[in-house]
Amino acid sequence: MKSSVKDALAASGAEIVDLGTDTAESVDYPDFAYKAIKLLLEKQCERVILICGTGIGMSIFANRIPGVRGALCHESYAARMSRLHNDSNCLILGGRVIGPGIAGEIIDAWMNTPFEGGRHAARLAKIEELSQGVKDLHDK
């Protein structure tokens, strides 16, 4: 899956920074997600793509981090809408769930769809505000 993702990104003209594993052996995916998300939050990149078996573990990890808007996508419509309405900055793919062709379509849609803004920007602001309120409750 990773080589297919890299091919699709190269076709889009994106700069690729590969922080992942190069073996088929089981790894602790949060370690790899952390490296990518750290670059995102340090503004060393605008977006990241995370891959694990189903994408669920990466999605859970990514969306616990303030400022990350991770979208687990299994088809291109969801990828497009995640950018258009949610300004997703983290695409998550399940390498055992989708094939290379679908992954390429998803990446193409995600990379080439701008954020629409407008009412969606207000909703994202509300998500941040409400998330902070939940964090405050949790910290009590």
Protein backbone atom coordinates (compact mmCIF):
# COMPACT_ATOMS: atom_id res chain seq x y z
CA MET A 1 0.00 0.00 0.00
CA LYS A 2 2.74 2.44 0.91
CA SER A 3 4.41 2.24 -2.50
CA SER A 4 1.03 2.86 -4.19
CA VAL A 5 0.46 5.88 -1.95
CA LYS A 6 3.90 7.24 -2.74
CA ASP A 7 3.27 6.78 -6.48
CA ALA A 8 -0.05 8.63 -6.24
CA LEU A 9 1.55 11.46 -4.27
CA ALA A 10 4.40 11.75 -6.74
CA ALA A 11 1.87 11.98 -9.58
CA SER A 12 0.20 14.89 -7.76
CA GLY A 13 3.51 16.70 -7.43
CA ALA A 14 3.57 16.45 -3.64
CA GLU A 15 6.78 16.32 -1.68
CA ILE A 16 7.05 12.96 0.05
CA VAL A 17 8.59 12.37 3.46
CA ASP A 18 8.40 8.67 4.31
CA LEU A 19 8.41 8.13 8.09
CA GLY A 20 7.06 4.61 8.04
CA THR A 21 8.30 1.11 8.36
CA ASP A 22 9.72 -0.80 5.42
CA THR A 23 8.82 -4.30 6.53
CA ALA A 24 5.64 -6.35 6.72
CA GLU A 25 6.32 -7.10 10.38
CA SER A 26 3.91 -5.85 13.03
CA VAL A 27 4.89 -2.49 14.51
CA ASP A 28 3.46 -0.11 17.07
CA TYR A 29 1.57 2.22 14.71
CA PRO A 30 1.24 5.08 17.26
CA ASP A 31 5.02 5.57 17.07
CA PHE A 32 4.80 6.21 13.33
CA ALA A 33 1.67 8.33 13.57
CA TYR A 34 3.36 10.46 16.22
CA LYS A 35 6.31 11.23 13.92
CA ALA A 36 4.03 12.39 11.10
CA ILE A 37 1.66 14.37 13.30
CA LYS A 38 4.59 16.07 15.00
CA LEU A 39 5.72 17.39 11.59
CA LEU A 40 2.17 18.55 10.88
CA LEU A 41 1.81 20.41 14.17
CA GLU A 42 5.28 21.94 13.80
CA LYS A 43 4.09 23.21 10.40
CA GLN A 44 6.84 21.36 8.58
CA CYS A 45 4.11 20.02 6.28
CA GLU A 46 0.51 20.92 5.47
CA ARG A 47 -0.97 17.43 5.47
CA VAL A 48 -0.09 13.86 6.37
CA ILE A 49 -1.23 10.42 5.30
CA LEU A 50 -1.28 7.58 7.81
CA ILE A 51 -1.66 3.91 6.92
CA CYS A 52 -2.28 0.87 9.08
CA GLY A 53 -4.15 -2.40 8.57
CA THR A 54 -7.69 -1.06 8.89
CA GLY A 55 -6.94 2.61 9.49
CA ILE A 56 -8.94 2.51 12.70
CA GLY A 57 -6.02 2.56 15.13
CA MET A 58 -4.33 5.42 13.29
CA SER A 59 -7.65 7.28 13.20
CA ILE A 60 -8.17 6.92 16.93
CA PHE A 61 -4.65 8.13 17.65
CA ALA A 62 -4.69 11.04 15.19
CA ASN A 63 -8.02 12.44 16.31
CA ARG A 64 -6.95 12.57 19.95
CA ILE A 65 -4.39 15.23 19.04
CA PRO A 66 -5.64 18.86 19.10
CA GLY A 67 -5.31 20.46 15.68
CA VAL A 68 -5.47 17.19 13.77
CA ARG A 69 -8.52 16.56 11.63
CA GLY A 70 -8.08 12.97 10.55
CA ALA A 71 -10.34 11.38 7.98
CA LEU A 72 -10.45 7.60 7.59
CA CYS A 73 -11.51 7.16 3.97
CA HIS A 74 -12.40 4.03 2.04
CA GLU A 75 -13.56 5.83 -1.11
CA SER A 76 -12.94 9.09 -2.93
CA TYR A 77 -16.24 10.83 -2.12
CA ALA A 78 -15.48 10.77 1.61
CA ALA A 79 -11.95 12.02 0.92
CA ARG A 80 -13.30 14.90 -1.16
CA MET A 81 -15.88 15.86 1.46
CA SER A 82 -13.32 15.60 4.27
CA ARG A 83 -11.36 18.37 2.57
CA LEU A 84 -14.29 20.43 1.27
CA HIS A 85 -16.28 20.56 4.52
CA ASN A 86 -13.85 19.53 7.27
CA ASP A 87 -10.49 20.84 6.05
CA SER A 88 -8.95 17.48 6.97
CA ASN A 89 -5.21 17.66 7.32
CA CYS A 90 -4.66 13.96 7.94
CA LEU A 91 -5.81 11.23 5.57
CA ILE A 92 -5.97 7.75 7.03
CA LEU A 93 -6.02 4.62 4.89
CA GLY A 94 -6.53 0.96 5.73
CA GLY A 95 -3.99 -1.07 3.80
CA ARG A 96 -5.95 -4.29 4.31
CA VAL A 97 -9.29 -2.66 3.48
CA ILE A 98 -8.69 -0.96 0.14
CA GLY A 99 -6.55 -1.78 -2.87
CA PRO A 100 -3.96 0.36 -4.61
CA GLY A 101 -6.36 1.64 -7.31
CA ILE A 102 -8.90 2.90 -4.78
CA ALA A 103 -6.09 4.37 -2.66
CA GLY A 104 -4.93 6.36 -5.68
CA GLU A 105 -8.44 7.69 -6.30
CA ILE A 106 -8.79 8.66 -2.64
CA ILE A 107 -5.44 10.46 -2.61
CA ASP A 108 -6.22 12.28 -5.85
CA ALA A 109 -9.54 13.52 -4.44
CA TRP A 110 -7.99 14.48 -1.10
CA MET A 111 -4.97 16.25 -2.55
CA ASN A 112 -6.95 18.20 -5.14
CA THR A 113 -9.95 19.38 -3.12
CA PRO A 114 -9.69 22.76 -1.38
CA PHE A 115 -11.47 23.68 1.85
CA GLU A 116 -14.74 25.45 1.07
CA GLY A 117 -14.75 27.62 4.20
CA GLY A 118 -17.91 29.62 4.94
CA ARG A 119 -20.34 27.82 7.22
CA HIS A 120 -17.86 24.95 7.49
CA ALA A 121 -15.20 27.22 9.03
CA ALA A 122 -17.69 28.21 11.71
CA ARG A 123 -18.40 24.54 12.41
CA LEU A 124 -14.71 23.74 12.72
CA ALA A 125 -14.34 26.62 15.17
CA LYS A 126 -17.25 25.19 17.16
CA ILE A 127 -15.60 21.76 17.20
CA GLU A 128 -12.43 23.33 18.63
CA GLU A 129 -14.43 25.29 21.20
CA LEU A 130 -16.51 22.33 22.35
CA SER A 131 -13.45 20.07 22.39
CA GLN A 132 -11.72 22.50 24.72
CA GLY A 133 -14.79 22.43 27.00
CA VAL A 134 -14.65 18.64 27.12
CA LYS A 135 -10.92 18.77 27.87
CA ASP A 136 -11.59 21.23 30.69
CA LEU A 137 -14.21 18.87 32.15
CA HIS A 138 -11.80 15.97 31.86
CA ASP A 139 -9.02 17.88 33.62
CA LYS A 140 -11.23 18.61 36.67
